[in-house]
Amino acid sequence: MFFGLYRGGNDYEIYFEKFSDQIVLDRTRRAEDIHLWMKRYAERLEHYARLAPYNWFNFYPFWD
């Protein structure tokens, strides 16, 4: 995963994180496995969004 947080002026903080070596989904519980991986991704996104809450934008008029 890659995150670039703008800190003002020409200052950025760059982060790289390994999300997983491999994602294997069990066919008998595929939906549950996908949910767990989505949750893990959302938790990492939340972490960085909290570090720089004004760096995130909707490029679609989501609230209109």
N, C-alpha and C. Protein backbone atom coordinates (compact mmCIF):
# COMPACT_ATOMS: atom_id res chain seq x y z
N MET A 1 0.84 -1.16 0.00
CA MET A 1 0.00 0.00 0.00
C MET A 1 0.89 1.23 0.00
N PHE A 2 0.40 2.30 -0.57
CA PHE A 2 1.14 3.55 -0.65
C PHE A 2 0.24 4.68 -0.20
N PHE A 3 0.79 5.55 0.64
CA PHE A 3 0.08 6.74 1.07
C PHE A 3 1.04 7.92 1.01
N GLY A 4 0.58 9.01 0.46
CA GLY A 4 1.34 10.25 0.45
C GLY A 4 0.54 11.33 1.15
N LEU A 5 1.04 11.82 2.26
CA LEU A 5 0.33 12.82 3.05
C LEU A 5 0.95 14.19 2.83
N TYR A 6 0.15 15.13 2.40
CA TYR A 6 0.60 16.50 2.18
C TYR A 6 0.69 17.20 3.52
N ARG A 7 1.82 17.85 3.77
CA ARG A 7 2.05 18.53 5.04
C ARG A 7 2.20 20.04 4.89
N GLY A 8 2.01 20.55 3.68
CA GLY A 8 2.10 21.99 3.46
C GLY A 8 3.32 22.36 2.64
N GLY A 9 3.19 23.44 1.86
CA GLY A 9 4.31 23.86 1.03
C GLY A 9 4.71 22.76 0.07
N ASN A 10 5.99 22.41 0.09
CA ASN A 10 6.50 21.30 -0.72
C ASN A 10 6.80 20.08 0.14
N ASP A 11 6.14 19.95 1.26
CA ASP A 11 6.44 18.90 2.23
C ASP A 11 5.40 17.79 2.18
N TYR A 12 5.87 16.56 1.94
CA TYR A 12 5.02 15.37 1.92
C TYR A 12 5.66 14.30 2.79
N GLU A 13 4.84 13.47 3.38
CA GLU A 13 5.30 12.26 4.05
C GLU A 13 4.82 11.08 3.21
N ILE A 14 5.74 10.20 2.87
CA ILE A 14 5.44 9.06 2.02
C ILE A 14 5.53 7.79 2.85
N TYR A 15 4.53 6.93 2.71
CA TYR A 15 4.48 5.67 3.45
C TYR A 15 4.21 4.52 2.48
N PHE A 16 4.96 3.45 2.65
CA PHE A 16 4.71 2.21 1.94
C PHE A 16 4.49 1.13 2.98
N GLU A 17 3.46 0.33 2.80
CA GLU A 17 3.19 -0.79 3.69
C GLU A 17 2.90 -2.03 2.85
N LYS A 18 3.41 -3.13 3.30
CA LYS A 18 3.06 -4.39 2.65
C LYS A 18 1.70 -4.81 3.18
N PHE A 19 0.76 -5.01 2.29
CA PHE A 19 -0.59 -5.39 2.70
C PHE A 19 -0.65 -6.89 2.99
N SER A 20 -0.03 -7.68 2.13
CA SER A 20 -0.03 -9.13 2.31
C SER A 20 0.95 -9.75 1.34
N ASP A 21 1.52 -10.88 1.71
CA ASP A 21 2.33 -11.64 0.77
C ASP A 21 1.44 -12.24 -0.31
N GLN A 22 0.30 -12.75 0.12
CA GLN A 22 -0.63 -13.39 -0.80
C GLN A 22 -2.00 -13.41 -0.13
N ILE A 23 -3.03 -13.24 -0.93
CA ILE A 23 -4.40 -13.34 -0.41
C ILE A 23 -5.00 -14.61 -0.98
N VAL A 24 -5.35 -15.52 -0.08
CA VAL A 24 -5.95 -16.79 -0.47
C VAL A 24 -7.36 -16.81 0.10
N LEU A 25 -8.32 -17.05 -0.77
CA LEU A 25 -9.71 -17.11 -0.34
C LEU A 25 -10.18 -18.56 -0.32
N ASP A 26 -10.73 -18.97 0.80
CA ASP A 26 -11.30 -20.30 0.94
C ASP A 26 -12.64 -20.31 0.20
N ARG A 27 -12.82 -21.23 -0.73
CA ARG A 27 -14.05 -21.25 -1.53
C ARG A 27 -15.29 -21.46 -0.68
N THR A 28 -15.15 -22.14 0.43
CA THR A 28 -16.33 -22.42 1.26
C THR A 28 -16.74 -21.23 2.10
N ARG A 29 -15.85 -20.29 2.29
CA ARG A 29 -16.17 -19.09 3.07
C ARG A 29 -15.64 -17.83 2.40
N ARG A 30 -15.82 -17.78 1.10
CA ARG A 30 -15.26 -16.70 0.30
C ARG A 30 -15.78 -15.32 0.74
N ALA A 31 -17.07 -15.19 0.94
CA ALA A 31 -17.64 -13.89 1.32
C ALA A 31 -17.06 -13.40 2.64
N GLU A 32 -16.91 -14.30 3.61
CA GLU A 32 -16.35 -13.93 4.91
C GLU A 32 -14.89 -13.51 4.77
N ASP A 33 -14.13 -14.25 3.96
CA ASP A 33 -12.72 -13.91 3.75
C ASP A 33 -12.57 -12.54 3.09
N ILE A 34 -13.39 -12.29 2.07
CA ILE A 34 -13.35 -10.99 1.39
C ILE A 34 -13.68 -9.88 2.38
N HIS A 35 -14.68 -10.12 3.22
CA HIS A 35 -15.06 -9.12 4.22
C HIS A 35 -13.88 -8.81 5.16
N LEU A 36 -13.16 -9.83 5.59
CA LEU A 36 -12.01 -9.62 6.48
C LEU A 36 -10.91 -8.80 5.79
N TRP A 37 -10.62 -9.09 4.52
CA TRP A 37 -9.60 -8.33 3.79
C TRP A 37 -10.05 -6.89 3.55
N MET A 38 -11.34 -6.70 3.26
CA MET A 38 -11.86 -5.33 3.09
C MET A 38 -11.76 -4.56 4.39
N LYS A 39 -12.04 -5.22 5.50
CA LYS A 39 -11.96 -4.58 6.82
C LYS A 39 -10.52 -4.17 7.12
N ARG A 40 -9.58 -5.05 6.82
CA ARG A 40 -8.17 -4.74 7.05
C ARG A 40 -7.73 -3.54 6.21
N TYR A 41 -8.13 -3.51 4.95
CA TYR A 41 -7.80 -2.38 4.08
C TYR A 41 -8.41 -1.09 4.63
N ALA A 42 -9.68 -1.14 5.01
CA ALA A 42 -10.36 0.05 5.53
C ALA A 42 -9.69 0.56 6.80
N GLU A 43 -9.22 -0.35 7.65
CA GLU A 43 -8.53 0.06 8.88
C GLU A 43 -7.24 0.82 8.57
N ARG A 44 -6.49 0.37 7.57
CA ARG A 44 -5.25 1.07 7.21
C ARG A 44 -5.57 2.43 6.58
N LEU A 45 -6.59 2.48 5.74
CA LEU A 45 -7.00 3.75 5.15
C LEU A 45 -7.46 4.71 6.24
N GLU A 46 -8.22 4.22 7.20
CA GLU A 46 -8.67 5.06 8.31
C GLU A 46 -7.48 5.62 9.09
N HIS A 47 -6.48 4.78 9.32
CA HIS A 47 -5.30 5.22 10.06
C HIS A 47 -4.67 6.46 9.41
N TYR A 48 -4.46 6.40 8.10
CA TYR A 48 -3.82 7.52 7.41
C TYR A 48 -4.76 8.70 7.22
N ALA A 49 -6.04 8.43 7.07
CA ALA A 49 -7.00 9.54 6.98
C ALA A 49 -7.04 10.31 8.29
N ARG A 50 -6.88 9.64 9.41
CA ARG A 50 -6.85 10.32 10.70
C ARG A 50 -5.56 11.13 10.89
N LEU A 51 -4.46 10.68 10.29
CA LEU A 51 -3.21 11.43 10.39
C LEU A 51 -3.28 12.75 9.62
N ALA A 52 -4.03 12.77 8.53
CA ALA A 52 -4.13 13.98 7.70
C ALA A 52 -5.55 14.09 7.15
N PRO A 53 -6.51 14.44 8.00
CA PRO A 53 -7.92 14.39 7.59
C PRO A 53 -8.29 15.34 6.46
N TYR A 54 -7.54 16.40 6.25
CA TYR A 54 -7.89 17.35 5.19
C TYR A 54 -7.20 17.03 3.86
N ASN A 55 -6.52 15.90 3.78
CA ASN A 55 -5.85 15.49 2.54
C ASN A 55 -6.75 14.66 1.63
N TRP A 56 -7.94 14.33 2.03
CA TRP A 56 -8.78 13.37 1.31
C TRP A 56 -9.91 14.11 0.61
N PHE A 57 -10.15 13.74 -0.63
CA PHE A 57 -11.12 14.45 -1.46
C PHE A 57 -12.06 13.46 -2.13
N ASN A 58 -13.29 13.90 -2.36
CA ASN A 58 -14.21 13.21 -3.26
C ASN A 58 -14.11 13.92 -4.60
N PHE A 59 -13.82 13.19 -5.66
CA PHE A 59 -13.76 13.78 -6.99
C PHE A 59 -15.08 13.57 -7.73
N TYR A 60 -16.07 13.19 -7.00
CA TYR A 60 -17.41 12.99 -7.51
C TYR A 60 -18.34 13.75 -6.57
N PRO A 61 -19.37 14.41 -7.07
CA PRO A 61 -20.25 15.18 -6.19
C PRO A 61 -21.10 14.24 -5.32
N PHE A 62 -20.43 13.51 -4.46
CA PHE A 62 -21.05 12.45 -3.65
C PHE A 62 -22.21 12.96 -2.82
N TRP A 63 -22.10 14.13 -2.26
CA TRP A 63 -23.12 14.63 -1.33
C TRP A 63 -24.21 15.43 -2.02
N ASP A 64 -24.12 15.59 -3.34
CA ASP A 64 -25.15 16.34 -4.08
C ASP A 64 -26.34 15.46 -4.43
